All heavy atoms as atom14 arrays in JSON, in Angstrom:
{
  "sequence": "ADITVEKEGVRVGVCEEHFREQMEELSDADWLDGLDEELDIDRSE",
  "atom14_mask": [
    [1, 1, 1, 1, 1, 0, 0, 0, 0, 0, 0, 0, 0, 0],
    [1, 1, 1, 1, 1, 1, 1, 1, 0, 0, 0, 0, 0, 0],
    [1, 1, 1, 1, 1, 1, 1, 1, 0, 0, 0, 0, 0, 0],
    [1, 1, 1, 1, 1, 1, 1, 0, 0, 0, 0, 0, 0, 0],
    [1, 1, 1, 1, 1, 1, 1, 0, 0, 0, 0, 0, 0, 0],
    [1, 1, 1, 1, 1, 1, 1, 1, 1, 0, 0, 0, 0, 0],
    [1, 1, 1, 1, 1, 1, 1, 1, 1, 0, 0, 0, 0, 0],
    [1, 1, 1, 1, 1, 1, 1, 1, 1, 0, 0, 0, 0, 0],
    [1, 1, 1, 1, 0, 0, 0, 0, 0, 0, 0, 0, 0, 0],
    [1, 1, 1, 1, 1, 1, 1, 0, 0, 0, 0, 0, 0, 0],
    [1, 1, 1, 1, 1, 1, 1, 1, 1, 1, 1, 0, 0, 0],
    [1, 1, 1, 1, 1, 1, 1, 0, 0, 0, 0, 0, 0, 0],
    [1, 1, 1, 1, 0, 0, 0, 0, 0, 0, 0, 0, 0, 0],
    [1, 1, 1, 1, 1, 1, 1, 0, 0, 0, 0, 0, 0, 0],
    [1, 1, 1, 1, 1, 1, 0, 0, 0, 0, 0, 0, 0, 0],
    [1, 1, 1, 1, 1, 1, 1, 1, 1, 0, 0, 0, 0, 0],
    [1, 1, 1, 1, 1, 1, 1, 1, 1, 0, 0, 0, 0, 0],
    [1, 1, 1, 1, 1, 1, 1, 1, 1, 1, 0, 0, 0, 0],
    [1, 1, 1, 1, 1, 1, 1, 1, 1, 1, 1, 0, 0, 0],
    [1, 1, 1, 1, 1, 1, 1, 1, 1, 1, 1, 0, 0, 0],
    [1, 1, 1, 1, 1, 1, 1, 1, 1, 0, 0, 0, 0, 0],
    [1, 1, 1, 1, 1, 1, 1, 1, 1, 0, 0, 0, 0, 0],
    [1, 1, 1, 1, 1, 1, 1, 1, 0, 0, 0, 0, 0, 0],
    [1, 1, 1, 1, 1, 1, 1, 1, 1, 0, 0, 0, 0, 0],
    [1, 1, 1, 1, 1, 1, 1, 1, 1, 0, 0, 0, 0, 0],
    [1, 1, 1, 1, 1, 1, 1, 1, 0, 0, 0, 0, 0, 0],
    [1, 1, 1, 1, 1, 1, 0, 0, 0, 0, 0, 0, 0, 0],
    [1, 1, 1, 1, 1, 1, 1, 1, 0, 0, 0, 0, 0, 0],
    [1, 1, 1, 1, 1, 0, 0, 0, 0, 0, 0, 0, 0, 0],
    [1, 1, 1, 1, 1, 1, 1, 1, 0, 0, 0, 0, 0, 0],
    [1, 1, 1, 1, 1, 1, 1, 1, 1, 1, 1, 1, 1, 1],
    [1, 1, 1, 1, 1, 1, 1, 1, 0, 0, 0, 0, 0, 0],
    [1, 1, 1, 1, 1, 1, 1, 1, 0, 0, 0, 0, 0, 0],
    [1, 1, 1, 1, 0, 0, 0, 0, 0, 0, 0, 0, 0, 0],
    [1, 1, 1, 1, 1, 1, 1, 1, 0, 0, 0, 0, 0, 0],
    [1, 1, 1, 1, 1, 1, 1, 1, 0, 0, 0, 0, 0, 0],
    [1, 1, 1, 1, 1, 1, 1, 1, 1, 0, 0, 0, 0, 0],
    [1, 1, 1, 1, 1, 1, 1, 1, 1, 0, 0, 0, 0, 0],
    [1, 1, 1, 1, 1, 1, 1, 1, 0, 0, 0, 0, 0, 0],
    [1, 1, 1, 1, 1, 1, 1, 1, 0, 0, 0, 0, 0, 0],
    [1, 1, 1, 1, 1, 1, 1, 1, 0, 0, 0, 0, 0, 0],
    [1, 1, 1, 1, 1, 1, 1, 1, 0, 0, 0, 0, 0, 0],
    [1, 1, 1, 1, 1, 1, 1, 1, 1, 1, 1, 0, 0, 0],
    [1, 1, 1, 1, 1, 1, 0, 0, 0, 0, 0, 0, 0, 0],
    [1, 1, 1, 1, 1, 1, 1, 1, 1, 0, 0, 0, 0, 0]
  ],
  "atom14_positions": [
    [[0.84, -1.2, 0.0], [0.0, 0.0, 0.0], [0.87, 1.24, 0.0], [1.81, 1.36, 0.78], [-0.91, 0.0, 1.22], [0.0, 0.0, 0.0], [0.0, 0.0, 0.0], [0.0, 0.0, 0.0], [0.0, 0.0, 0.0], [0.0, 0.0, 0.0], [0.0, 0.0, 0.0], [0.0, 0.0, 0.0], [0.0, 0.0, 0.0], [0.0, 0.0, 0.0]],
    [[0.56, 2.18, -0.9], [1.25, 3.46, -0.95], [0.53, 4.5, -0.09], [1.13, 5.47, 0.35], [1.33, 3.97, -2.4], [2.19, 3.07, -3.27], [3.33, 2.79, -2.88], [1.7, 2.66, -4.34], [0.0, 0.0, 0.0], [0.0, 0.0, 0.0], [0.0, 0.0, 0.0], [0.0, 0.0, 0.0], [0.0, 0.0, 0.0], [0.0, 0.0, 0.0]],
    [[-0.76, 4.28, 0.12], [-1.58, 5.21, 0.89], [-2.36, 4.4, 1.92], [-2.97, 3.39, 1.58], [-2.57, 5.97, -0.03], [-1.79, 6.77, -1.06], [-3.5, 6.86, 0.77], [-2.6, 7.27, -2.21], [0.0, 0.0, 0.0], [0.0, 0.0, 0.0], [0.0, 0.0, 0.0], [0.0, 0.0, 0.0], [0.0, 0.0, 0.0], [0.0, 0.0, 0.0]],
    [[-2.33, 4.85, 3.15], [-3.05, 4.17, 4.22], [-3.92, 5.19, 4.94], [-3.49, 6.29, 5.24], [-2.07, 3.54, 5.23], [-1.18, 2.68, 4.53], [-2.8, 2.75, 6.29], [0.0, 0.0, 0.0], [0.0, 0.0, 0.0], [0.0, 0.0, 0.0], [0.0, 0.0, 0.0], [0.0, 0.0, 0.0], [0.0, 0.0, 0.0], [0.0, 0.0, 0.0]],
    [[-5.16, 4.79, 5.2], [-6.11, 5.65, 5.9], [-6.61, 4.89, 7.13], [-6.86, 3.69, 7.06], [-7.31, 6.01, 4.99], [-8.32, 6.85, 5.74], [-6.83, 6.72, 3.75], [0.0, 0.0, 0.0], [0.0, 0.0, 0.0], [0.0, 0.0, 0.0], [0.0, 0.0, 0.0], [0.0, 0.0, 0.0], [0.0, 0.0, 0.0], [0.0, 0.0, 0.0]],
    [[-6.74, 5.61, 8.23], [-7.24, 4.98, 9.46], [-8.39, 5.81, 10.02], [-8.32, 7.04, 10.07], [-6.14, 4.88, 10.5], [-6.59, 4.21, 11.78], [-5.48, 4.0, 12.77], [-4.3, 4.16, 12.42], [-5.8, 3.68, 13.92], [0.0, 0.0, 0.0], [0.0, 0.0, 0.0], [0.0, 0.0, 0.0], [0.0, 0.0, 0.0], [0.0, 0.0, 0.0]],
    [[-9.45, 5.12, 10.41], [-10.58, 5.79, 11.05], [-11.15, 4.85, 12.09], [-11.47, 3.7, 11.77], [-11.65, 6.18, 10.03], [-12.8, 6.92, 10.66], [-13.79, 7.43, 9.66], [-14.9, 8.19, 10.37], [-15.85, 8.74, 9.44], [0.0, 0.0, 0.0], [0.0, 0.0, 0.0], [0.0, 0.0, 0.0], [0.0, 0.0, 0.0], [0.0, 0.0, 0.0]],
    [[-11.26, 5.34, 13.3], [-11.83, 4.57, 14.42], [-11.17, 3.21, 14.54], [-11.83, 2.19, 14.75], [-13.34, 4.46, 14.26], [-14.04, 5.81, 14.3], [-15.53, 5.73, 14.11], [-16.08, 4.6, 13.99], [-16.16, 6.79, 14.08], [0.0, 0.0, 0.0], [0.0, 0.0, 0.0], [0.0, 0.0, 0.0], [0.0, 0.0, 0.0], [0.0, 0.0, 0.0]],
    [[-9.86, 3.17, 14.37], [-9.1, 1.93, 14.56], [-9.06, 1.01, 13.36], [-8.41, -0.03, 13.4], [0.0, 0.0, 0.0], [0.0, 0.0, 0.0], [0.0, 0.0, 0.0], [0.0, 0.0, 0.0], [0.0, 0.0, 0.0], [0.0, 0.0, 0.0], [0.0, 0.0, 0.0], [0.0, 0.0, 0.0], [0.0, 0.0, 0.0], [0.0, 0.0, 0.0]],
    [[-9.75, 1.35, 12.29], [-9.75, 0.52, 11.08], [-8.79, 1.14, 10.08], [-8.91, 2.31, 9.74], [-11.16, 0.42, 10.46], [-11.13, -0.37, 9.17], [-12.13, -0.2, 11.45], [0.0, 0.0, 0.0], [0.0, 0.0, 0.0], [0.0, 0.0, 0.0], [0.0, 0.0, 0.0], [0.0, 0.0, 0.0], [0.0, 0.0, 0.0], [0.0, 0.0, 0.0]],
    [[-7.82, 0.34, 9.61], [-6.83, 0.83, 8.64], [-7.06, 0.15, 7.3], [-7.25, -1.06, 7.23], [-5.42, 0.51, 9.13], [-5.04, 1.31, 10.35], [-3.67, 0.97, 10.82], [-2.71, 1.44, 9.83], [-1.46, 1.01, 9.76], [-1.01, 0.12, 10.6], [-0.64, 1.49, 8.84], [0.0, 0.0, 0.0], [0.0, 0.0, 0.0], [0.0, 0.0, 0.0]],
    [[-7.03, 0.95, 6.24], [-7.18, 0.44, 4.87], [-6.06, 1.06, 4.04], [-5.78, 2.25, 4.14], [-8.55, 0.82, 4.27], [-8.66, 0.36, 2.83], [-9.67, 0.24, 5.11], [0.0, 0.0, 0.0], [0.0, 0.0, 0.0], [0.0, 0.0, 0.0], [0.0, 0.0, 0.0], [0.0, 0.0, 0.0], [0.0, 0.0, 0.0], [0.0, 0.0, 0.0]],
    [[-5.43, 0.24, 3.21], [-4.36, 0.73, 2.35], [-4.62, 0.4, 0.9], [-5.29, -0.59, 0.58], [0.0, 0.0, 0.0], [0.0, 0.0, 0.0], [0.0, 0.0, 0.0], [0.0, 0.0, 0.0], [0.0, 0.0, 0.0], [0.0, 0.0, 0.0], [0.0, 0.0, 0.0], [0.0, 0.0, 0.0], [0.0, 0.0, 0.0], [0.0, 0.0, 0.0]],
    [[-4.13, 1.25, 0.01], [-4.24, 1.02, -1.42], [-2.93, 1.38, -2.1], [-2.21, 2.26, -1.65], [-5.39, 1.82, -2.08], [-6.74, 1.32, -1.63], [-5.26, 3.29, -1.83], [0.0, 0.0, 0.0], [0.0, 0.0, 0.0], [0.0, 0.0, 0.0], [0.0, 0.0, 0.0], [0.0, 0.0, 0.0], [0.0, 0.0, 0.0], [0.0, 0.0, 0.0]],
    [[-2.65, 0.7, -3.2], [-1.48, 1.04, -4.01], [-1.84, 2.27, -4.85], [-3.01, 2.66, -4.94], [-1.08, -0.13, -4.9], [-2.29, -0.59, -6.15], [0.0, 0.0, 0.0], [0.0, 0.0, 0.0], [0.0, 0.0, 0.0], [0.0, 0.0, 0.0], [0.0, 0.0, 0.0], [0.0, 0.0, 0.0], [0.0, 0.0, 0.0], [0.0, 0.0, 0.0]],
    [[-0.84, 2.88, -5.47], [-1.09, 4.1, -6.24], [-2.05, 3.85, -7.4], [-2.94, 4.67, -7.66], [0.23, 4.65, -6.78], [0.06, 5.95, -7.52], [1.36, 6.56, -7.98], [2.44, 6.09, -7.58], [1.29, 7.51, -8.77], [0.0, 0.0, 0.0], [0.0, 0.0, 0.0], [0.0, 0.0, 0.0], [0.0, 0.0, 0.0], [0.0, 0.0, 0.0]],
    [[-1.93, 2.72, -8.07], [-2.8, 2.42, -9.21], [-4.27, 2.35, -8.77], [-5.15, 2.96, -9.38], [-2.39, 1.1, -9.86], [-3.28, 0.71, -11.02], [-2.88, -0.61, -11.64], [-1.73, -1.05, -11.46], [-3.73, -1.21, -12.32], [0.0, 0.0, 0.0], [0.0, 0.0, 0.0], [0.0, 0.0, 0.0], [0.0, 0.0, 0.0], [0.0, 0.0, 0.0]],
    [[-4.53, 1.62, -7.71], [-5.92, 1.5, -7.25], [-6.43, 2.79, -6.63], [-7.62, 3.1, -6.72], [-6.06, 0.31, -6.3], [-6.04, -1.0, -7.03], [-5.02, -1.89, -6.92], [-6.92, -1.52, -7.91], [-5.27, -2.92, -7.71], [-6.4, -2.72, -8.32], [0.0, 0.0, 0.0], [0.0, 0.0, 0.0], [0.0, 0.0, 0.0], [0.0, 0.0, 0.0]],
    [[-5.55, 3.57, -6.01], [-5.95, 4.88, -5.5], [-6.43, 5.76, -6.66], [-7.49, 6.38, -6.59], [-4.78, 5.55, -4.78], [-5.09, 6.94, -4.33], [-5.89, 7.17, -3.23], [-4.59, 8.03, -5.04], [-6.18, 8.48, -2.82], [-4.86, 9.33, -4.64], [-5.66, 9.55, -3.53], [0.0, 0.0, 0.0], [0.0, 0.0, 0.0], [0.0, 0.0, 0.0]],
    [[-5.65, 5.78, -7.73], [-6.02, 6.6, -8.9], [-7.34, 6.11, -9.51], [-8.18, 6.92, -9.91], [-4.92, 6.59, -9.93], [-3.7, 7.36, -9.47], [-2.63, 7.4, -10.55], [-1.42, 8.04, -10.07], [-1.23, 9.35, -10.05], [-2.17, 10.16, -10.48], [-0.1, 9.85, -9.59], [0.0, 0.0, 0.0], [0.0, 0.0, 0.0], [0.0, 0.0, 0.0]],
    [[-7.52, 4.8, -9.62], [-8.76, 4.25, -10.16], [-9.96, 4.69, -9.32], [-10.99, 5.11, -9.86], [-8.7, 2.73, -10.21], [-7.83, 2.17, -11.3], [-7.76, 0.66, -11.27], [-8.53, 0.03, -10.51], [-6.94, 0.1, -12.01], [0.0, 0.0, 0.0], [0.0, 0.0, 0.0], [0.0, 0.0, 0.0], [0.0, 0.0, 0.0], [0.0, 0.0, 0.0]],
    [[-9.81, 4.6, -8.0], [-10.91, 4.99, -7.12], [-11.2, 6.49, -7.2], [-12.36, 6.91, -7.19], [-10.61, 4.59, -5.68], [-10.56, 3.09, -5.47], [-11.87, 2.41, -5.84], [-12.95, 2.86, -5.44], [-11.78, 1.35, -6.62], [0.0, 0.0, 0.0], [0.0, 0.0, 0.0], [0.0, 0.0, 0.0], [0.0, 0.0, 0.0], [0.0, 0.0, 0.0]],
    [[-10.15, 7.3, -7.31], [-10.34, 8.74, -7.43], [-11.04, 9.1, -8.75], [-11.87, 10.0, -8.78], [-9.0, 9.47, -7.31], [-8.4, 9.41, -5.92], [-9.52, 9.98, -4.62], [-9.65, 11.71, -5.02], [0.0, 0.0, 0.0], [0.0, 0.0, 0.0], [0.0, 0.0, 0.0], [0.0, 0.0, 0.0], [0.0, 0.0, 0.0], [0.0, 0.0, 0.0]],
    [[-10.72, 8.39, -9.83], [-11.39, 8.63, -11.11], [-12.88, 8.33, -10.99], [-13.72, 9.08, -11.49], [-10.76, 7.8, -12.21], [-9.42, 8.31, -12.67], [-8.79, 7.43, -13.72], [-9.52, 6.67, -14.41], [-7.56, 7.48, -13.87], [0.0, 0.0, 0.0], [0.0, 0.0, 0.0], [0.0, 0.0, 0.0], [0.0, 0.0, 0.0], [0.0, 0.0, 0.0]],
    [[-13.21, 7.21, -10.34], [-14.62, 6.85, -10.17], [-15.33, 7.88, -9.3], [-16.46, 8.28, -9.58], [-14.74, 5.46, -9.55], [-14.39, 4.35, -10.51], [-14.59, 2.98, -9.89], [-15.47, 2.82, -9.01], [-13.88, 2.06, -10.29], [0.0, 0.0, 0.0], [0.0, 0.0, 0.0], [0.0, 0.0, 0.0], [0.0, 0.0, 0.0], [0.0, 0.0, 0.0]],
    [[-14.67, 8.32, -8.24], [-15.28, 9.29, -7.34], [-15.44, 10.66, -7.99], [-16.39, 11.39, -7.69], [-14.46, 9.43, -6.06], [-14.51, 8.24, -5.11], [-13.51, 8.43, -3.99], [-15.92, 8.06, -4.57], [0.0, 0.0, 0.0], [0.0, 0.0, 0.0], [0.0, 0.0, 0.0], [0.0, 0.0, 0.0], [0.0, 0.0, 0.0], [0.0, 0.0, 0.0]],
    [[-14.52, 11.0, -8.89], [-14.59, 12.32, -9.53], [-15.84, 12.47, -10.4], [-16.27, 13.59, -10.67], [-13.34, 12.6, -10.35], [-13.28, 11.75, -11.48], [0.0, 0.0, 0.0], [0.0, 0.0, 0.0], [0.0, 0.0, 0.0], [0.0, 0.0, 0.0], [0.0, 0.0, 0.0], [0.0, 0.0, 0.0], [0.0, 0.0, 0.0], [0.0, 0.0, 0.0]],
    [[-16.41, 11.35, -10.81], [-17.63, 11.37, -11.62], [-18.89, 11.46, -10.77], [-19.98, 11.66, -11.3], [-17.7, 10.14, -12.51], [-16.6, 10.1, -13.54], [-16.1, 11.19, -13.91], [-16.22, 9.0, -13.99], [0.0, 0.0, 0.0], [0.0, 0.0, 0.0], [0.0, 0.0, 0.0], [0.0, 0.0, 0.0], [0.0, 0.0, 0.0], [0.0, 0.0, 0.0]],
    [[-18.76, 11.33, -9.47], [-19.93, 11.32, -8.59], [-20.35, 12.75, -8.23], [-19.54, 13.59, -7.9], [-19.62, 10.54, -7.32], [0.0, 0.0, 0.0], [0.0, 0.0, 0.0], [0.0, 0.0, 0.0], [0.0, 0.0, 0.0], [0.0, 0.0, 0.0], [0.0, 0.0, 0.0], [0.0, 0.0, 0.0], [0.0, 0.0, 0.0], [0.0, 0.0, 0.0]],
    [[-21.64, 13.01, -8.31], [-22.18, 14.34, -8.02], [-22.06, 14.72, -6.54], [-21.96, 15.89, -6.21], [-23.65, 14.42, -8.42], [-23.83, 14.35, -9.92], [-22.89, 14.69, -10.66], [-24.93, 13.95, -10.35], [0.0, 0.0, 0.0], [0.0, 0.0, 0.0], [0.0, 0.0, 0.0], [0.0, 0.0, 0.0], [0.0, 0.0, 0.0], [0.0, 0.0, 0.0]],
    [[-22.07, 13.74, -5.66], [-22.05, 14.05, -4.23], [-20.73, 14.66, -3.78], [-20.64, 15.21, -2.69], [-22.37, 12.81, -3.39], [-21.35, 11.71, -3.49], [-21.34, 10.7, -4.39], [-20.21, 11.53, -2.65], [-20.24, 9.9, -4.17], [-19.53, 10.39, -3.11], [-19.68, 12.24, -1.58], [-18.37, 9.94, -2.52], [-18.51, 11.78, -0.99], [-17.88, 10.64, -1.46]],
    [[-19.71, 14.61, -4.62], [-18.42, 15.18, -4.25], [-18.39, 16.71, -4.35], [-17.51, 17.34, -3.79], [-17.3, 14.61, -5.13], [-16.82, 13.24, -4.74], [-15.77, 12.74, -5.73], [-16.24, 13.23, -3.35], [0.0, 0.0, 0.0], [0.0, 0.0, 0.0], [0.0, 0.0, 0.0], [0.0, 0.0, 0.0], [0.0, 0.0, 0.0], [0.0, 0.0, 0.0]],
    [[-19.36, 17.28, -5.03], [-19.4, 18.73, -5.15], [-19.52, 19.36, -3.77], [-20.44, 19.09, -3.02], [-20.59, 19.18, -6.02], [-20.47, 18.72, -7.45], [-19.34, 18.44, -7.88], [-21.51, 18.64, -8.14], [0.0, 0.0, 0.0], [0.0, 0.0, 0.0], [0.0, 0.0, 0.0], [0.0, 0.0, 0.0], [0.0, 0.0, 0.0], [0.0, 0.0, 0.0]],
    [[-18.55, 20.15, -3.4], [-18.58, 20.82, -2.11], [-18.06, 20.0, -0.94], [-18.01, 20.49, 0.17], [0.0, 0.0, 0.0], [0.0, 0.0, 0.0], [0.0, 0.0, 0.0], [0.0, 0.0, 0.0], [0.0, 0.0, 0.0], [0.0, 0.0, 0.0], [0.0, 0.0, 0.0], [0.0, 0.0, 0.0], [0.0, 0.0, 0.0], [0.0, 0.0, 0.0]],
    [[-17.68, 18.76, -1.17], [-17.21, 17.91, -0.09], [-15.91, 18.42, 0.51], [-15.71, 18.33, 1.72], [-17.01, 16.47, -0.58], [-16.55, 15.47, 0.47], [-17.6, 15.32, 1.56], [-16.25, 14.13, -0.16], [0.0, 0.0, 0.0], [0.0, 0.0, 0.0], [0.0, 0.0, 0.0], [0.0, 0.0, 0.0], [0.0, 0.0, 0.0], [0.0, 0.0, 0.0]],
    [[-15.06, 19.0, -0.3], [-13.78, 19.51, 0.2], [-13.97, 20.56, 1.28], [-13.13, 20.71, 2.17], [-12.92, 20.05, -0.93], [-13.58, 21.14, -1.73], [-14.81, 21.26, -1.68], [-12.85, 21.88, -2.41], [0.0, 0.0, 0.0], [0.0, 0.0, 0.0], [0.0, 0.0, 0.0], [0.0, 0.0, 0.0], [0.0, 0.0, 0.0], [0.0, 0.0, 0.0]],
    [[-15.08, 21.28, 1.26], [-15.36, 22.27, 2.28], [-15.71, 21.62, 3.61], [-15.49, 22.19, 4.67], [-16.49, 23.18, 1.83], [-16.14, 24.0, 0.61], [-17.33, 24.76, 0.06], [-18.4, 24.74, 0.7], [-17.18, 25.36, -1.01], [0.0, 0.0, 0.0], [0.0, 0.0, 0.0], [0.0, 0.0, 0.0], [0.0, 0.0, 0.0], [0.0, 0.0, 0.0]],
    [[-16.27, 20.41, 3.56], [-16.68, 19.71, 4.77], [-15.53, 18.93, 5.41], [-15.6, 18.62, 6.59], [-17.82, 18.74, 4.45], [-19.09, 19.42, 4.0], [-20.17, 18.43, 3.66], [-20.23, 17.37, 4.32], [-20.95, 18.7, 2.74], [0.0, 0.0, 0.0], [0.0, 0.0, 0.0], [0.0, 0.0, 0.0], [0.0, 0.0, 0.0], [0.0, 0.0, 0.0]],
    [[-14.51, 18.61, 4.63], [-13.41, 17.81, 5.15], [-12.36, 18.68, 5.82], [-12.09, 19.79, 5.4], [-12.74, 17.03, 4.0], [-13.62, 15.99, 3.31], [-12.86, 15.37, 2.16], [-14.08, 14.94, 4.28], [0.0, 0.0, 0.0], [0.0, 0.0, 0.0], [0.0, 0.0, 0.0], [0.0, 0.0, 0.0], [0.0, 0.0, 0.0], [0.0, 0.0, 0.0]],
    [[-11.76, 18.13, 6.85], [-10.68, 18.82, 7.54], [-9.37, 18.21, 7.05], [-8.9, 17.22, 7.59], [-10.83, 18.64, 9.05], [-9.76, 19.35, 9.81], [-9.13, 20.29, 9.27], [-9.52, 18.98, 10.98], [0.0, 0.0, 0.0], [0.0, 0.0, 0.0], [0.0, 0.0, 0.0], [0.0, 0.0, 0.0], [0.0, 0.0, 0.0], [0.0, 0.0, 0.0]],
    [[-8.8, 18.8, 5.99], [-7.61, 18.25, 5.37], [-6.47, 19.24, 5.52], [-6.62, 20.42, 5.23], [-7.85, 17.97, 3.87], [-8.96, 16.95, 3.7], [-6.55, 17.5, 3.2], [-9.35, 16.7, 2.27], [0.0, 0.0, 0.0], [0.0, 0.0, 0.0], [0.0, 0.0, 0.0], [0.0, 0.0, 0.0], [0.0, 0.0, 0.0], [0.0, 0.0, 0.0]],
    [[-5.33, 18.74, 6.01], [-4.12, 19.57, 6.09], [-3.46, 19.57, 4.72], [-3.13, 18.53, 4.19], [-3.14, 19.01, 7.12], [-3.68, 19.12, 8.52], [-4.48, 20.03, 8.78], [-3.32, 18.27, 9.37], [0.0, 0.0, 0.0], [0.0, 0.0, 0.0], [0.0, 0.0, 0.0], [0.0, 0.0, 0.0], [0.0, 0.0, 0.0], [0.0, 0.0, 0.0]],
    [[-3.27, 20.75, 4.18], [-2.64, 20.87, 2.86], [-1.37, 21.67, 3.0], [-1.34, 22.7, 3.65], [-3.57, 21.56, 1.88], [-4.81, 20.76, 1.61], [-5.63, 21.4, 0.5], [-6.77, 20.58, 0.23], [-7.97, 21.03, -0.04], [-8.18, 22.32, -0.1], [-8.97, 20.23, -0.29], [0.0, 0.0, 0.0], [0.0, 0.0, 0.0], [0.0, 0.0, 0.0]],
    [[-0.32, 21.18, 2.35], [0.93, 21.95, 2.36], [0.88, 22.98, 1.25], [0.33, 22.76, 0.18], [2.14, 21.02, 2.18], [2.01, 20.31, 0.97], [0.0, 0.0, 0.0], [0.0, 0.0, 0.0], [0.0, 0.0, 0.0], [0.0, 0.0, 0.0], [0.0, 0.0, 0.0], [0.0, 0.0, 0.0], [0.0, 0.0, 0.0], [0.0, 0.0, 0.0]],
    [[1.43, 24.12, 1.51], [1.39, 25.2, 0.52], [2.69, 25.31, -0.19], [3.72, 24.98, 0.24], [1.07, 26.51, 1.23], [-0.32, 26.47, 1.81], [-0.66, 27.79, 2.49], [-0.07, 28.81, 2.2], [-1.58, 27.77, 3.3], [0.0, 0.0, 0.0], [0.0, 0.0, 0.0], [0.0, 0.0, 0.0], [0.0, 0.0, 0.0], [0.0, 0.0, 0.0]]
  ]
}
């Protein structure tokens, strides 16, 4: 796994290829509009 996410003690990892595939599928979903405003994400500038 290149990327690992943990929430409430549950850890899930994905390789870069599958991460990109999942992001492509999610980018087509309408519910993502405005989601970035709801998430608390640390971004480097």
